[in-house]
PDB file of N, CA and C in Angstrom:
ATOM      1  N   MET A   1       0.821  -1.195   0.000  1.00  0.00           N
ATOM      2  CA  MET A   1       0.000   0.000   0.000  1.00  0.00           C
ATOM      3  C   MET A   1       0.866   1.261   0.000  1.00  0.00           C
ATOM      4  N   GLN A   2       1.932   1.268   0.756  1.00  0.00           N
ATOM      5  CA  GLN A   2       2.797   2.428   0.818  1.00  0.00           C
ATOM      6  C   GLN A   2       3.381   2.757  -0.557  1.00  0.00           C
ATOM      7  N   MET A   3       3.733   1.753  -1.323  1.00  0.00           N
ATOM      8  CA  MET A   3       4.297   1.963  -2.647  1.00  0.00           C
ATOM      9  C   MET A   3       3.304   2.677  -3.560  1.00  0.00           C
ATOM     10  N   ILE A   4       2.041   2.360  -3.461  1.00  0.00           N
ATOM     11  CA  ILE A   4       1.012   2.998  -4.284  1.00  0.00           C
ATOM     12  C   ILE A   4       0.871   4.472  -3.916  1.00  0.00           C
ATOM     13  N   LEU A   5       0.874   4.784  -2.638  1.00  0.00           N
ATOM     14  CA  LEU A   5       0.710   6.167  -2.203  1.00  0.00           C
ATOM     15  C   LEU A   5       1.888   7.049  -2.594  1.00  0.00           C
ATOM     16  N   GLU A   6       3.062   6.458  -2.713  1.00  0.00           N
ATOM     17  CA  GLU A   6       4.238   7.237  -3.061  1.00  0.00           C
ATOM     18  C   GLU A   6       4.512   7.266  -4.554  1.00  0.00           C
ATOM     19  N   SER A   7       3.639   6.696  -5.339  1.00  0.00           N
ATOM     20  CA  SER A   7       3.819   6.671  -6.782  1.00  0.00           C
ATOM     21  C   SER A   7       3.847   8.087  -7.337  1.00  0.00           C
ATOM     22  N   PRO A   8       4.853   8.454  -8.141  1.00  0.00           N
ATOM     23  CA  PRO A   8       4.932   9.813  -8.686  1.00  0.00           C
ATOM     24  C   PRO A   8       3.711  10.208  -9.488  1.00  0.00           C
ATOM     25  N   SER A   9       3.149   9.297 -10.239  1.00  0.00           N
ATOM     26  CA  SER A   9       1.999   9.659 -11.067  1.00  0.00           C
ATOM     27  C   SER A   9       0.788  10.021 -10.220  1.00  0.00           C
ATOM     28  N   LEU A  10       0.621   9.367  -9.064  1.00  0.00           N
ATOM     29  CA  LEU A  10      -0.511   9.694  -8.197  1.00  0.00           C
ATOM     30  C   LEU A  10      -0.265  10.978  -7.417  1.00  0.00           C
ATOM     31  N   SER A  11       0.945  11.175  -6.926  1.00  0.00           N
ATOM     32  CA  SER A  11       1.210  12.356  -6.119  1.00  0.00           C
ATOM     33  C   SER A  11       1.340  13.612  -6.970  1.00  0.00           C
ATOM     34  N   GLU A  12       1.718  13.499  -8.222  1.00  0.00           N
ATOM     35  CA  GLU A  12       1.887  14.672  -9.076  1.00  0.00           C
ATOM     36  C   GLU A  12       0.604  15.074  -9.788  1.00  0.00           C
ATOM     37  N   ALA A  13      -0.385  14.217  -9.833  1.00  0.00           N
ATOM     38  CA  ALA A  13      -1.616  14.531 -10.565  1.00  0.00           C
ATOM     39  C   ALA A  13      -2.286  15.808 -10.073  1.00  0.00           C
ATOM     40  N   PRO A  14      -2.494  16.003  -8.748  1.00  0.00           N
ATOM     41  CA  PRO A  14      -3.126  17.249  -8.308  1.00  0.00           C
ATOM     42  C   PRO A  14      -2.260  18.474  -8.625  1.00  0.00           C
ATOM     43  N   VAL A  15      -0.948  18.342  -8.523  1.00  0.00           N
ATOM     44  CA  VAL A  15      -0.061  19.461  -8.832  1.00  0.00           C
ATOM     45  C   VAL A  15      -0.194  19.836 -10.299  1.00  0.00           C
ATOM     46  N   THR A  16      -0.231  18.849 -11.165  1.00  0.00           N
ATOM     47  CA  THR A  16      -0.372  19.112 -12.594  1.00  0.00           C
ATOM     48  C   THR A  16      -1.698  19.795 -12.888  1.00  0.00           C
ATOM     49  N   ALA A  17      -2.767  19.338 -12.263  1.00  0.00           N
ATOM     50  CA  ALA A  17      -4.071  19.963 -12.478  1.00  0.00           C
ATOM     51  C   ALA A  17      -4.063  21.410 -11.999  1.00  0.00           C
ATOM     52  N   THR A  18      -3.475  21.650 -10.844  1.00  0.00           N
ATOM     53  CA  THR A  18      -3.384  23.013 -10.328  1.00  0.00           C
ATOM     54  C   THR A  18      -2.510  23.869 -11.227  1.00  0.00           C
ATOM     55  N   MET A  19      -1.413  23.301 -11.685  1.00  0.00           N
ATOM     56  CA  MET A  19      -0.511  24.034 -12.585  1.00  0.00           C
ATOM     57  C   MET A  19      -1.256  24.436 -13.863  1.00  0.00           C
ATOM     58  N   ASN A  20      -2.040  23.533 -14.394  1.00  0.00           N
ATOM     59  CA  ASN A  20      -2.821  23.841 -15.599  1.00  0.00           C
ATOM     60  C   ASN A  20      -3.820  24.959 -15.333  1.00  0.00           C
ATOM     61  N   ARG A  21      -4.481  24.921 -14.173  1.00  0.00           N
ATOM     62  CA  ARG A  21      -5.442  25.976 -13.833  1.00  0.00           C
ATOM     63  C   ARG A  21      -4.738  27.325 -13.659  1.00  0.00           C
ATOM     64  N   MET A  22      -3.571  27.308 -13.026  1.00  0.00           N
ATOM     65  CA  MET A  22      -2.834  28.560 -12.843  1.00  0.00           C
ATOM     66  C   MET A  22      -2.395  29.139 -14.189  1.00  0.00           C
ATOM     67  N   THR A  23      -1.916  28.287 -15.066  1.00  0.00           N
ATOM     68  CA  THR A  23      -1.479  28.740 -16.381  1.00  0.00           C
ATOM     69  C   THR A  23      -2.649  29.302 -17.187  1.00  0.00           C
ATOM     70  N   ARG A  24      -3.790  28.627 -17.131  1.00  0.00           N
ATOM     71  CA  ARG A  24      -4.983  29.132 -17.834  1.00  0.00           C
ATOM     72  C   ARG A  24      -5.406  30.492 -17.292  1.00  0.00           C
ATOM     73  N   LEU A  25      -5.326  30.656 -15.975  1.00  0.00           N
ATOM     74  CA  LEU A  25      -5.686  31.944 -15.378  1.00  0.00           C
ATOM     75  C   LEU A  25      -4.782  33.047 -15.908  1.00  0.00           C
ATOM     76  N   LEU A  26      -3.484  32.786 -15.967  1.00  0.00           N
ATOM     77  CA  LEU A  26      -2.557  33.799 -16.469  1.00  0.00           C
ATOM     78  C   LEU A  26      -2.825  34.125 -17.932  1.00  0.00           C
ATOM     79  N   LYS A  27      -3.208  33.136 -18.719  1.00  0.00           N
ATOM     80  CA  LYS A  27      -3.553  33.396 -20.128  1.00  0.00           C
ATOM     81  C   LYS A  27      -4.789  34.265 -20.232  1.00  0.00           C
ATOM     82  N   THR A  28      -5.726  34.065 -19.311  1.00  0.00           N
ATOM     83  CA  THR A  28      -6.976  34.829 -19.325  1.00  0.00           C
ATOM     84  C   THR A  28      -6.772  36.257 -18.817  1.00  0.00           C
ATOM     85  N   VAL A  29      -6.075  36.387 -17.710  1.00  0.00           N
ATOM     86  CA  VAL A  29      -5.901  37.689 -17.060  1.00  0.00           C
ATOM     87  C   VAL A  29      -4.874  38.557 -17.787  1.00  0.00           C
ATOM     88  N   ARG A  30      -3.849  37.926 -18.334  1.00  0.00           N
ATOM     89  CA  ARG A  30      -2.770  38.620 -19.047  1.00  0.00           C
ATOM     90  C   ARG A  30      -2.162  39.743 -18.201  1.00  0.00           C
ATOM     91  N   PRO A  31      -1.525  39.377 -17.089  1.00  0.00           N
ATOM     92  CA  PRO A  31      -0.945  40.398 -16.204  1.00  0.00           C
ATOM     93  C   PRO A  31       0.155  41.184 -16.908  1.00  0.00           C
ATOM     94  N   GLY A  32       0.335  42.427 -16.488  1.00  0.00           N
ATOM     95  CA  GLY A  32       1.303  43.304 -17.124  1.00  0.00           C
ATOM     96  C   GLY A  32       2.733  43.113 -16.658  1.00  0.00           C
ATOM     97  N   SER A  33       2.914  42.419 -15.544  1.00  0.00           N
ATOM     98  CA  SER A  33       4.269  42.200 -15.023  1.00  0.00           C
ATOM     99  C   SER A  33       4.306  40.871 -14.280  1.00  0.00           C
ATOM    100  N   ASP A  34       5.521  40.417 -14.014  1.00  0.00           N
ATOM    101  CA  ASP A  34       5.667  39.181 -13.228  1.00  0.00           C
ATOM    102  C   ASP A  34       5.109  39.366 -11.827  1.00  0.00           C
ATOM    103  N   ALA A  35       5.323  40.528 -11.241  1.00  0.00           N
ATOM    104  CA  ALA A  35       4.809  40.792  -9.895  1.00  0.00           C
ATOM    105  C   ALA A  35       3.284  40.719  -9.873  1.00  0.00           C
ATOM    106  N   GLU A  36       2.656  41.302 -10.886  1.00  0.00           N
ATOM    107  CA  GLU A  36       1.198  41.251 -10.975  1.00  0.00           C
ATOM    108  C   GLU A  36       0.721  39.811 -11.159  1.00  0.00           C
ATOM    109  N   ALA A  37       1.439  39.050 -11.951  1.00  0.00           N
ATOM    110  CA  ALA A  37       1.083  37.642 -12.171  1.00  0.00           C
ATOM    111  C   ALA A  37       1.166  36.863 -10.864  1.00  0.00           C
ATOM    112  N   LEU A  38       2.227  37.071 -10.105  1.00  0.00           N
ATOM    113  CA  LEU A  38       2.374  36.357  -8.836  1.00  0.00           C
ATOM    114  C   LEU A  38       1.306  36.773  -7.832  1.00  0.00           C
ATOM    115  N   ARG A  39       0.943  38.060  -7.797  1.00  0.00           N
ATOM    116  CA  ARG A  39      -0.143  38.510  -6.922  1.00  0.00           C
ATOM    117  C   ARG A  39      -1.459  37.855  -7.321  1.00  0.00           C
ATOM    118  N   THR A  40      -1.716  37.782  -8.619  1.00  0.00           N
ATOM    119  CA  THR A  40      -2.940  37.152  -9.120  1.00  0.00           C
ATOM    120  C   THR A  40      -2.994  35.685  -8.724  1.00  0.00           C
ATOM    121  N   LEU A  41      -1.881  34.997  -8.908  1.00  0.00           N
ATOM    122  CA  LEU A  41      -1.837  33.574  -8.555  1.00  0.00           C
ATOM    123  C   LEU A  41      -1.994  33.371  -7.055  1.00  0.00           C
ATOM    124  N   ARG A  42      -1.378  34.240  -6.260  1.00  0.00           N
ATOM    125  CA  ARG A  42      -1.496  34.097  -4.806  1.00  0.00           C
ATOM    126  C   ARG A  42      -2.939  34.307  -4.354  1.00  0.00           C
ATOM    127  N   ALA A  43      -3.615  35.269  -4.952  1.00  0.00           N
ATOM    128  CA  ALA A  43      -5.007  35.538  -4.594  1.00  0.00           C
ATOM    129  C   ALA A  43      -5.920  34.388  -4.996  1.00  0.00           C
ATOM    130  N   ALA A  44      -5.667  33.814  -6.163  1.00  0.00           N
ATOM    131  CA  ALA A  44      -6.531  32.749  -6.674  1.00  0.00           C
ATOM    132  C   ALA A  44      -6.180  31.373  -6.115  1.00  0.00           C
ATOM    133  N   PHE A  45      -4.914  31.176  -5.762  1.00  0.00           N
ATOM    134  CA  PHE A  45      -4.445  29.870  -5.290  1.00  0.00           C
ATOM    135  C   PHE A  45      -3.620  30.045  -4.014  1.00  0.00           C
ATOM    136  N   PRO A  46      -4.244  30.498  -2.926  1.00  0.00           N
ATOM    137  CA  PRO A  46      -3.476  30.776  -1.700  1.00  0.00           C
ATOM    138  C   PRO A  46      -2.830  29.533  -1.081  1.00  0.00           C
ATOM    139  N   GLN A  47      -3.329  28.364  -1.398  1.00  0.00           N
ATOM    140  CA  GLN A  47      -2.805  27.132  -0.822  1.00  0.00           C
ATOM    141  C   GLN A  47      -1.528  26.651  -1.510  1.00  0.00           C
ATOM    142  N   THR A  48      -1.207  27.204  -2.669  1.00  0.00           N
ATOM    143  CA  THR A  48      -0.019  26.751  -3.396  1.00  0.00           C
ATOM    144  C   THR A  48       1.223  27.468  -2.881  1.00  0.00           C
ATOM    145  N   SER A  49       2.336  26.804  -3.024  1.00  0.00           N
ATOM    146  CA  SER A  49       3.604  27.381  -2.573  1.00  0.00           C
ATOM    147  C   SER A  49       4.098  28.422  -3.578  1.00  0.00           C
ATOM    148  N   LEU A  50       4.986  29.278  -3.114  1.00  0.00           N
ATOM    149  CA  LEU A  50       5.602  30.260  -3.996  1.00  0.00           C
ATOM    150  C   LEU A  50       6.342  29.549  -5.129  1.00  0.00           C
ATOM    151  N   LYS A  51       6.981  28.445  -4.802  1.00  0.00           N
ATOM    152  CA  LYS A  51       7.703  27.662  -5.806  1.00  0.00           C
ATOM    153  C   LYS A  51       6.769  27.227  -6.938  1.00  0.00           C
ATOM    154  N   ASP A  52       5.561  26.779  -6.593  1.00  0.00           N
ATOM    155  CA  ASP A  52       4.603  26.348  -7.609  1.00  0.00           C
ATOM    156  C   ASP A  52       4.073  27.529  -8.420  1.00  0.00           C
ATOM    157  N   ARG A  53       3.873  28.665  -7.758  1.00  0.00           N
ATOM    158  CA  ARG A  53       3.400  29.847  -8.491  1.00  0.00           C
ATOM    159  C   ARG A  53       4.466  30.356  -9.461  1.00  0.00           C
ATOM    160  N   ILE A  54       5.720  30.307  -9.036  1.00  0.00           N
ATOM    161  CA  ILE A  54       6.815  30.704  -9.925  1.00  0.00           C
ATOM    162  C   ILE A  54       6.921  29.737 -11.100  1.00  0.00           C
ATOM    163  N   ALA A  55       6.729  28.448 -10.829  1.00  0.00           N
ATOM    164  CA  ALA A  55       6.766  27.454 -11.907  1.00  0.00           C
ATOM    165  C   ALA A  55       5.643  27.712 -12.913  1.00  0.00           C
ATOM    166  N   ALA A  56       4.463  28.070 -12.419  1.00  0.00           N
ATOM    167  CA  ALA A  56       3.350  28.380 -13.328  1.00  0.00           C
ATOM    168  C   ALA A  56       3.653  29.625 -14.150  1.00  0.00           C
ATOM    169  N   LEU A  57       4.253  30.625 -13.523  1.00  0.00           N
ATOM    170  CA  LEU A  57       4.633  31.837 -14.242  1.00  0.00           C
ATOM    171  C   LEU A  57       5.672  31.518 -15.312  1.00  0.00           C
ATOM    172  N   ALA A  58       6.655  30.700 -14.966  1.00  0.00           N
ATOM    173  CA  ALA A  58       7.684  30.316 -15.941  1.00  0.00           C
ATOM    174  C   ALA A  58       7.064  29.540 -17.091  1.00  0.00           C
ATOM    175  N   ARG A  59       6.151  28.654 -16.771  1.00  0.00           N
ATOM    176  CA  ARG A  59       5.466  27.864 -17.805  1.00  0.00           C
ATOM    177  C   ARG A  59       4.669  28.783 -18.731  1.00  0.00           C
ATOM    178  N   HIS A  60       3.998  29.737 -18.143  1.00  0.00           N
ATOM    179  CA  HIS A  60       3.196  30.696 -18.916  1.00  0.00           C
ATOM    180  C   HIS A  60       4.097  31.545 -19.819  1.00  0.00           C
ATOM    181  N   SER A  61       5.251  31.907 -19.304  1.00  0.00           N
ATOM    182  CA  SER A  61       6.184  32.763 -20.035  1.00  0.00           C
ATOM    183  C   SER A  61       7.008  32.002 -21.064  1.00  0.00           C
ATOM    184  N   GLY A  62       6.900  30.679 -21.056  1.00  0.00           N
ATOM    185  CA  GLY A  62       7.698  29.871 -21.965  1.00  0.00           C
ATOM    186  C   GLY A  62       9.127  29.692 -21.496  1.00  0.00           C
ATOM    187  N   LYS A  63       9.371  29.954 -20.234  1.00  0.00           N
ATOM    188  CA  LYS A  63      10.717  29.845 -19.658  1.00  0.00           C
ATOM    189  C   LYS A  63      10.753  28.745 -18.611  1.00  0.00           C
ATOM    190  N   GLU A  64      10.025  27.699 -18.857  1.00  0.00           N
ATOM    191  CA  GLU A  64       9.893  26.636 -17.875  1.00  0.00           C
ATOM    192  C   GLU A  64      11.238  25.959 -17.638  1.00  0.00           C
ATOM    193  N   THR A  65      11.605  25.911 -16.365  1.00  0.00           N
ATOM    194  CA  THR A  65      12.801  25.192 -15.954  1.00  0.00           C
ATOM    195  C   THR A  65      12.437  24.350 -14.743  1.00  0.00           C
ATOM    196  N   PRO A  66      13.060  23.196 -14.598  1.00  0.00           N
ATOM    197  CA  PRO A  66      12.759  22.359 -13.443  1.00  0.00           C
ATOM    198  C   PRO A  66      13.175  23.053 -12.148  1.00  0.00           C
ATOM    199  N   ILE A  67      12.271  23.067 -11.195  1.00  0.00           N
ATOM    200  CA  ILE A  67      12.561  23.629  -9.880  1.00  0.00           C
ATOM    201  C   ILE A  67      12.512  22.486  -8.886  1.00  0.00           C
ATOM    202  N   SER A  68      13.584  22.323  -8.125  1.00  0.00           N
ATOM    203  CA  SER A  68      13.582  21.222  -7.143  1.00  0.00           C
ATOM    204  C   SER A  68      13.646  21.743  -5.740  1.00  0.00           C
TER     205      SER A  68
END
């Protein structure tokens, strides 16, 4: 059972869904600056970490890099 719970595909699924929602929001809102984008993401997704919001911003900007 422990192996199933730690499976990357299961644990990453909610993150991927949230990442997709954050990216769609940025496409819709079209913030004028990175700071505005991060404020928008924080307001809409207060439960996400700064690391995840930055990753969504990078993905939106086409500058996606792995963050560990």
